[in-house]
Amino acid sequence: MIYLDNAATTLHKPPQVIEAVAEAMRSSGNPARGAHGSSLQASRTVYGARAKIAALFHCPRPDHVVFTSNVTEALNTAINGLIRPGDHVITTDLEHNSVLRPLYRLAAERDVALDFVPADRRGNLDYAMFSQLMRPNTRAIVCTHASNLTGNLVDLRQVSAAARAGGALLIVDAAQTAGCLPIDMEALGIDVLCFTGHKGLMGPQGTGGLCVRAGVEIAPLKVGGTGVQSYSPTQPAEYPTRLEAGTLNAHGIAGLSAAVDYLNEIGIPAIHEKETALMRRFLRGVRDIPGVTVYGDFSGDRAAIVALNIRDYDSGEVSDALAQDYGIATRPGAHCAPRMHRALGTEQQGAVRFSFSWYNTEAETDQAIRAVRELAEE
């Protein structure tokens, strides 16, 4: 199988990630739940992973790296823990439902006002709109770093400047960029960075988290066991414990830690360069095929994603043909990005998404080009 669905999850993981998970399952106890060897070993593994992720994303404090089960939980934690009744929030048409649905619920239940920076037909934003939409009660801008549908990058420096000028927080969904592009929280002015472990970071599913700037106080989404301050009726106030109720996925975190080691060994710039080269090779091969429509803006830096349609064929039908006849895995449909499809005019048809990773090859890319050409000719 040629796996080109890496924006959903990376199928191919570094061997040391698999080995780290297996070893943790053989030897790790419950972190922070005892003083015996297996518990202490798990605690050391978890702390080591915090330190590596803090360094990777330039989060100043390892104890402000909080682990969750995925980026959806991280975003829910940040959004629900920071947005108060009566607040105003600015977001964009590029967002995944992991941002949209928590915000819609707050609008309904906490009288939170929402404004959207619209996307044009190429999936681009008008950055002047961020400042124009600011209000005195604007609490936060919540936005993705890259569209999971088109791969278009958001200029976080411009968004951060608008947030700072308006006294708002910046919460970033890095689901499509963590591990694929260099991210510097401090340089980009990010207050909360939400990430997942199973995509560009090439770690296990069931891992993710948020990196929190010092001074940002997030109310817990969940409360419960922590292994410390057990007689207190309230959740401990200190990070990361305040946001980590219950047993952590120490086995998965061990794999994520090994994945970060692998990324550091290769270098994220080298990974981004290869993934971008494969994406652009594919783009050059398909964009001029009669009947093929490609979505997004490819004029600058971006995530390694190409979304397209063939004539008026349903995207699910095309993706099935790619899988059944050519052994190529892609993602069709709505991609949990309803406002983006509305902006592109693809609500009814959806789109077929090809997404590339470090483990893909030029030969696989060329086979995908041939498959699209043959389907278009049919």
Protein backbone atom coordinates (compact mmCIF):
# COMPACT_ATOMS: atom_id res chain seq x y z
CA MET A 1 0.00 0.00 0.00
CA ILE A 2 1.12 3.55 -0.80
CA TYR A 3 0.11 5.51 2.28
CA LEU A 4 -0.72 9.15 1.51
CA ASP A 5 -3.03 9.87 4.44
CA ASN A 6 -0.42 11.24 6.82
CA ALA A 7 -2.49 14.31 7.72
CA ALA A 8 -4.85 11.87 9.46
CA THR A 9 -2.12 9.83 11.13
CA THR A 10 1.35 8.67 10.16
CA LEU A 11 1.19 4.95 9.50
CA HIS A 12 4.96 4.39 9.33
CA LYS A 13 6.73 5.08 12.63
CA PRO A 14 10.44 4.99 13.45
CA PRO A 15 11.33 1.51 14.76
CA GLN A 16 12.61 2.98 18.02
CA VAL A 17 9.12 4.37 18.74
CA ILE A 18 7.62 0.89 18.59
CA GLU A 19 10.47 -0.49 20.70
CA ALA A 20 10.03 2.24 23.32
CA VAL A 21 6.32 1.51 23.69
CA ALA A 22 6.97 -2.23 24.00
CA GLU A 23 9.71 -1.69 26.58
CA ALA A 24 7.49 0.67 28.61
CA MET A 25 4.71 -1.92 28.60
CA ARG A 26 7.16 -4.47 29.94
CA SER A 27 8.67 -2.31 32.67
CA SER A 28 6.81 0.91 33.47
CA GLY A 29 4.48 1.35 36.41
CA ASN A 30 2.15 4.27 37.10
CA PRO A 31 4.01 7.61 37.07
CA ALA A 32 3.72 9.65 40.28
CA ARG A 33 1.80 6.82 41.97
CA GLY A 34 4.53 5.22 44.04
CA ALA A 35 8.18 5.17 45.09
CA HIS A 36 9.05 1.74 43.74
CA GLY A 37 11.33 1.24 40.77
CA SER A 38 8.73 0.77 38.04
CA SER A 39 6.77 3.85 39.10
CA LEU A 40 9.91 5.97 39.32
CA GLN A 41 11.02 4.75 35.91
CA ALA A 42 7.68 5.81 34.41
CA SER A 43 7.97 9.19 36.11
CA ARG A 44 11.44 9.73 34.69
CA THR A 45 10.23 8.79 31.20
CA VAL A 46 7.30 11.22 31.41
CA TYR A 47 9.46 14.07 32.68
CA GLY A 48 12.06 13.40 30.03
CA ALA A 49 9.36 13.62 27.37
CA ARG A 50 8.18 16.95 28.81
CA ALA A 51 11.69 18.36 28.64
CA LYS A 52 12.19 17.20 25.04
CA ILE A 53 8.88 18.66 23.88
CA ALA A 54 9.55 21.93 25.69
CA ALA A 55 12.87 22.19 23.86
CA LEU A 56 11.30 21.21 20.52
CA PHE A 57 8.65 23.95 20.67
CA HIS A 58 10.68 26.47 22.70
CA CYS A 59 8.30 26.31 25.65
CA PRO A 60 10.31 27.93 28.46
CA ARG A 61 9.22 25.52 31.21
CA PRO A 62 9.01 21.71 30.95
CA ASP A 63 6.44 21.66 33.74
CA HIS A 64 4.17 23.71 31.45
CA VAL A 65 4.04 20.83 28.96
CA VAL A 66 0.79 19.03 29.73
CA PHE A 67 -0.06 15.63 28.26
CA THR A 68 -3.48 14.74 26.87
CA SER A 69 -4.82 11.89 24.76
CA ASN A 70 -4.81 13.93 21.52
CA VAL A 71 -4.97 17.48 20.19
CA THR A 72 -8.78 17.52 20.48
CA GLU A 73 -8.52 17.09 24.24
CA ALA A 74 -5.74 19.69 24.35
CA LEU A 75 -7.87 22.22 22.47
CA ASN A 76 -10.91 21.51 24.62
CA THR A 77 -8.76 21.97 27.72
CA ALA A 78 -7.40 25.32 26.53
CA ILE A 79 -10.65 26.69 25.14
CA ASN A 80 -12.87 25.66 28.02
CA GLY A 81 -10.26 26.58 30.60
CA LEU A 82 -9.59 30.09 29.33
CA ILE A 83 -12.80 31.40 27.76
CA ARG A 84 -15.22 32.93 30.28
CA PRO A 85 -18.92 33.81 30.08
CA GLY A 86 -19.40 36.98 28.07
CA ASP A 87 -16.00 36.80 26.36
CA HIS A 88 -15.43 37.38 22.66
CA VAL A 89 -13.31 35.00 20.56
CA ILE A 90 -11.90 35.40 17.04
CA THR A 91 -11.25 32.32 14.92
CA THR A 92 -11.11 31.47 11.20
CA ASP A 93 -12.78 29.55 8.40
CA LEU A 94 -9.76 27.23 8.25
CA GLU A 95 -10.56 25.51 11.54
CA HIS A 96 -11.12 21.84 12.26
CA ASN A 97 -14.16 20.79 14.28
CA SER A 98 -11.82 20.31 17.25
CA VAL A 99 -11.77 24.11 17.44
CA LEU A 100 -15.21 24.86 16.04
CA ARG A 101 -17.36 22.59 18.17
CA PRO A 102 -15.93 23.67 21.54
CA LEU A 103 -16.40 27.29 20.50
CA TYR A 104 -19.95 26.71 19.25
CA ARG A 105 -20.81 25.07 22.56
CA LEU A 106 -19.40 27.99 24.52
CA ALA A 107 -21.40 30.37 22.36
CA ALA A 108 -24.56 28.45 23.23
CA GLU A 109 -23.86 27.77 26.91
CA ARG A 110 -21.66 30.66 28.13
CA ASP A 111 -22.88 33.54 25.98
CA VAL A 112 -19.51 33.70 24.24
CA ALA A 113 -19.45 35.85 21.10
CA LEU A 114 -17.67 34.46 18.03
CA ASP A 115 -16.27 36.15 14.94
CA PHE A 116 -14.68 34.38 11.97
CA VAL A 117 -11.95 35.67 9.70
CA PRO A 118 -13.20 34.41 6.32
CA ALA A 119 -11.18 32.42 3.81
CA ASP A 120 -11.25 33.17 0.10
CA ARG A 121 -11.55 30.62 -2.71
CA ARG A 122 -7.87 29.73 -2.37
CA GLY A 123 -8.19 29.25 1.37
CA ASN A 124 -6.32 32.44 2.27
CA LEU A 125 -7.10 34.83 5.13
CA ASP A 126 -7.29 38.62 5.16
CA TYR A 127 -5.00 39.32 8.13
CA ALA A 128 -6.26 42.87 8.56
CA MET A 129 -9.55 41.33 9.70
CA PHE A 130 -8.01 40.09 12.96
CA SER A 131 -7.45 43.67 14.15
CA GLN A 132 -10.74 44.88 12.71
CA LEU A 133 -12.68 42.22 14.63
CA MET A 134 -11.05 43.03 17.98
CA ARG A 135 -13.35 44.19 20.79
CA PRO A 136 -12.64 45.34 24.34
CA ASN A 137 -13.81 41.92 25.61
CA THR A 138 -11.85 39.82 23.10
CA ARG A 139 -10.34 37.08 25.21
CA ALA A 140 -8.52 35.01 22.61
CA ILE A 141 -7.73 34.28 19.01
CA VAL A 142 -7.96 30.55 18.35
CA CYS A 143 -6.54 29.39 15.04
CA THR A 144 -4.85 26.54 13.24
CA HIS A 145 -1.24 26.73 12.10
CA ALA A 146 -2.11 24.98 8.82
CA SER A 147 -5.37 23.96 7.22
CA ASN A 148 -5.87 20.20 7.39
CA LEU A 149 -7.71 20.42 4.05
CA THR A 150 -5.58 22.65 1.83
CA GLY A 151 -2.27 22.71 3.71
CA ASN A 152 -2.23 26.53 3.65
CA LEU A 153 -0.14 27.97 6.48
CA VAL A 154 -1.44 30.72 8.74
CA ASP A 155 1.02 33.57 9.32
CA LEU A 156 1.17 33.29 13.10
CA ARG A 157 3.41 36.34 13.43
CA GLN A 158 0.69 38.55 11.99
CA VAL A 159 -2.01 36.89 14.08
CA SER A 160 0.11 37.18 17.21
CA ALA A 161 0.71 40.88 16.57
CA ALA A 162 -3.05 41.44 16.35
CA ALA A 163 -3.62 39.46 19.54
CA ARG A 164 -0.97 41.40 21.45
CA ALA A 165 -2.27 44.75 20.25
CA GLY A 166 -5.76 43.80 21.38
CA GLY A 167 -4.71 42.28 24.70
CA ALA A 168 -5.91 38.81 23.66
CA LEU A 169 -4.43 35.34 24.07
CA LEU A 170 -3.28 33.27 21.10
CA ILE A 171 -4.26 29.58 21.16
CA VAL A 172 -2.81 27.58 18.25
CA ASP A 173 -3.85 24.21 16.83
CA ALA A 174 -0.61 22.66 15.58
CA ALA A 175 -2.11 19.30 14.61
CA GLN A 176 -0.77 19.54 11.04
CA THR A 177 2.57 21.21 11.74
CA ALA A 178 4.02 19.78 14.96
CA GLY A 179 6.98 17.68 13.85
CA CYS A 180 6.68 18.86 10.24
CA LEU A 181 7.73 22.51 10.55
CA PRO A 182 9.89 24.30 13.12
CA ILE A 183 7.72 25.96 15.80
CA ASP A 184 9.07 28.50 18.28
CA MET A 185 6.40 29.49 20.80
CA GLU A 186 8.37 32.45 22.11
CA ALA A 187 9.32 33.88 18.72
CA LEU A 188 5.78 33.46 17.37
CA GLY A 189 4.08 34.85 20.48
CA ILE A 190 1.97 31.75 21.14
CA ASP A 191 0.30 31.54 24.55
CA VAL A 192 -0.98 27.96 24.24
CA LEU A 193 0.27 25.50 21.63
CA CYS A 194 -1.86 22.37 21.19
CA PHE A 195 -0.29 19.34 19.50
CA THR A 196 -0.94 15.69 18.76
CA GLY A 197 1.63 12.92 18.86
CA HIS A 198 0.44 10.60 16.11
CA LYS A 199 0.82 12.81 13.02
CA GLY A 200 3.98 14.74 12.17
CA LEU A 201 5.61 13.87 15.48
CA MET A 202 5.43 10.20 14.37
CA GLY A 203 4.48 9.00 17.84
CA PRO A 204 1.71 6.67 19.02
CA GLN A 205 -1.98 7.42 18.86
CA GLY A 206 -3.40 8.38 22.25
CA THR A 207 -0.74 11.04 22.84
CA GLY A 208 -0.90 14.80 22.59
CA GLY A 209 -0.75 17.85 24.78
CA LEU A 210 -0.45 21.55 25.22
CA CYS A 211 2.47 23.86 25.91
CA VAL A 212 1.44 26.80 28.10
CA ARG A 213 3.24 30.11 28.40
CA ALA A 214 4.15 31.08 31.95
CA GLY A 215 1.46 33.27 33.46
CA VAL A 216 -1.41 31.72 31.49
CA GLU A 217 -3.77 30.09 33.99
CA ILE A 218 -6.01 27.41 32.49
CA ALA A 219 -8.86 26.03 34.60
CA PRO A 220 -8.90 22.21 34.63
CA LEU A 221 -11.17 20.43 32.18
CA LYS A 222 -11.06 17.31 34.37
CA VAL A 223 -10.37 16.82 38.06
CA GLY A 224 -9.48 13.67 39.94
CA GLY A 225 -6.52 11.60 41.01
CA THR A 226 -3.07 13.14 40.74
CA GLY A 227 -0.88 11.20 43.16
CA VAL A 228 -0.12 14.40 45.10
CA GLN A 229 -2.12 16.57 47.56
CA SER A 230 -4.59 13.72 47.91
CA TYR A 231 -6.33 15.30 50.93
CA SER A 232 -7.12 18.50 49.08
CA PRO A 233 -10.76 18.73 47.88
CA THR A 234 -9.64 20.67 44.81
CA GLN A 235 -7.32 19.95 41.93
CA PRO A 236 -3.70 21.04 42.64
CA ALA A 237 -2.96 24.47 41.17
CA GLU A 238 0.55 23.70 39.92
CA TYR A 239 1.32 22.78 36.33
CA PRO A 240 1.27 20.16 34.90
CA THR A 241 -0.77 18.41 37.62
CA ARG A 242 -3.61 20.93 37.45
CA LEU A 243 -4.51 19.68 33.95
CA GLU A 244 -3.52 16.00 34.24
CA ALA A 245 -6.19 14.21 36.26
CA GLY A 246 -5.94 10.42 36.15
CA THR A 247 -3.29 8.03 34.94
CA LEU A 248 -1.22 9.23 32.01
CA ASN A 249 -0.58 7.13 28.92
CA ALA A 250 2.98 6.48 30.02
CA HIS A 251 3.46 3.75 27.40
CA GLY A 252 2.45 6.10 24.61
CA ILE A 253 4.48 8.96 26.07
CA ALA A 254 7.55 6.70 26.05
CA GLY A 255 6.98 6.20 22.33
CA LEU A 256 6.46 9.93 21.82
CA SER A 257 9.72 10.63 23.63
CA ALA A 258 11.55 8.26 21.29
CA ALA A 259 9.85 9.93 18.31
CA VAL A 260 11.14 13.34 19.38
CA ASP A 261 14.64 11.87 19.62
CA TYR A 262 14.27 10.63 16.04
CA LEU A 263 13.03 14.03 14.84
CA ASN A 264 15.96 15.75 16.49
CA GLU A 265 18.36 13.28 14.90
CA ILE A 266 17.02 13.92 11.39
CA GLY A 267 16.18 17.56 11.93
CA ILE A 268 12.74 19.06 11.36
CA PRO A 269 14.01 21.39 8.59
CA ALA A 270 15.25 18.32 6.66
CA ILE A 271 11.91 16.57 7.19
CA HIS A 272 9.99 19.62 6.01
CA GLU A 273 12.22 19.97 2.96
CA LYS A 274 11.64 16.36 1.87
CA GLU A 275 7.89 16.39 2.51
CA THR A 276 7.56 19.68 0.64
CA ALA A 277 9.54 18.34 -2.31
CA LEU A 278 7.26 15.30 -2.57
CA MET A 279 4.15 17.45 -2.28
CA ARG A 280 5.32 19.83 -5.01
CA ARG A 281 6.36 16.93 -7.25
CA PHE A 282 2.83 15.57 -6.96
CA LEU A 283 1.32 19.03 -7.53
CA ARG A 284 3.33 19.52 -10.74
CA GLY A 285 2.16 16.16 -11.99
CA VAL A 286 -1.59 16.61 -11.40
CA ARG A 287 -2.49 20.29 -11.57
CA ASP A 288 -2.65 20.47 -15.38
CA ILE A 289 -4.48 17.19 -15.95
CA PRO A 290 -7.80 17.95 -17.68
CA GLY A 291 -10.68 17.54 -15.26
CA VAL A 292 -8.54 17.89 -12.12
CA THR A 293 -9.16 20.79 -9.73
CA VAL A 294 -6.56 21.48 -7.04
CA TYR A 295 -7.45 23.56 -3.96
CA GLY A 296 -5.29 25.90 -1.92
CA ASP A 297 -2.47 28.40 -2.34
CA PHE A 298 0.90 26.93 -3.32
CA SER A 299 2.80 30.19 -3.72
CA GLY A 300 4.63 29.98 -0.38
CA ASP A 301 5.57 27.67 2.45
CA ARG A 302 2.89 25.23 3.50
CA ALA A 303 2.05 21.82 4.91
CA ALA A 304 2.65 18.81 2.63
CA ILE A 305 -0.99 18.44 1.57
CA VAL A 306 -2.69 18.50 -1.83
CA ALA A 307 -6.49 18.38 -1.99
CA LEU A 308 -8.17 17.83 -5.34
CA ASN A 309 -11.25 16.67 -7.18
CA ILE A 310 -11.65 14.89 -10.51
CA ARG A 311 -14.43 16.34 -12.64
CA ASP A 312 -17.72 16.05 -10.73
CA TYR A 313 -16.98 12.62 -9.24
CA ASP A 314 -17.79 12.19 -5.58
CA SER A 315 -14.57 12.39 -3.56
CA GLY A 316 -15.38 9.16 -1.75
CA GLU A 317 -15.77 7.35 -5.06
CA VAL A 318 -12.37 8.59 -6.24
CA SER A 319 -10.67 7.68 -2.96
CA ASP A 320 -12.19 4.19 -3.10
CA ALA A 321 -10.90 3.72 -6.65
CA LEU A 322 -7.43 4.85 -5.58
CA ALA A 323 -7.46 2.32 -2.74
CA GLN A 324 -9.03 -0.62 -4.54
CA ASP A 325 -7.45 -0.29 -7.98
CA TYR A 326 -4.09 1.30 -7.16
CA GLY A 327 -3.41 0.53 -3.49
CA ILE A 328 -3.16 4.22 -2.60
CA ALA A 329 -4.56 5.43 0.74
CA THR A 330 -6.05 8.96 0.77
CA ARG A 331 -8.73 10.81 2.70
CA PRO A 332 -11.97 11.92 1.00
CA GLY A 333 -15.01 13.80 2.26
CA ALA A 334 -15.36 16.79 4.58
CA HIS A 335 -12.20 16.33 6.71
CA CYS A 336 -14.01 17.79 9.77
CA ALA A 337 -13.49 21.22 8.18
CA PRO A 338 -16.99 22.40 7.20
CA ARG A 339 -16.29 26.13 6.92
CA MET A 340 -13.23 25.51 4.76
CA HIS A 341 -15.27 23.40 2.32
CA ARG A 342 -17.90 26.12 2.23
CA ALA A 343 -15.22 28.68 1.35
CA LEU A 344 -13.82 26.44 -1.41
CA GLY A 345 -17.26 25.56 -2.79
CA THR A 346 -16.78 21.82 -2.15
CA GLU A 347 -19.49 21.18 0.44
CA GLN A 348 -21.34 18.65 -1.71
CA GLN A 349 -18.41 16.95 -3.42
CA GLY A 350 -15.86 17.01 -0.62
CA ALA A 351 -12.25 16.60 -1.73
CA VAL A 352 -9.58 13.91 -2.00
CA ARG A 353 -6.63 14.74 0.24
CA PHE A 354 -3.11 13.49 -0.47
CA SER A 355 -0.71 14.10 2.43
CA PHE A 356 2.98 13.24 2.44
CA SER A 357 5.43 12.18 5.13
CA TRP A 358 9.14 11.59 5.67
CA TYR A 359 8.66 7.91 4.81
CA ASN A 360 7.12 8.48 1.38
CA THR A 361 9.22 8.26 -1.80
CA GLU A 362 9.40 9.84 -5.23
CA ALA A 363 8.40 6.50 -6.79
CA GLU A 364 5.24 6.41 -4.68
CA THR A 365 4.51 10.02 -5.60
CA ASP A 366 4.86 9.24 -9.30
CA GLN A 367 2.53 6.26 -8.98
CA ALA A 368 -0.06 8.52 -7.35
CA ILE A 369 0.27 10.97 -10.25
CA ARG A 370 -0.31 8.17 -12.76
CA ALA A 371 -3.36 6.98 -10.84
CA VAL A 372 -4.93 10.45 -10.83
CA ARG A 373 -4.22 10.84 -14.57
CA GLU A 374 -5.79 7.49 -15.40
CA LEU A 375 -8.88 8.17 -13.29
CA ALA A 376 -9.29 11.58 -14.92
CA GLU A 377 -8.98 10.04 -18.39
CA GLU A 378 -11.69 7.49 -17.58
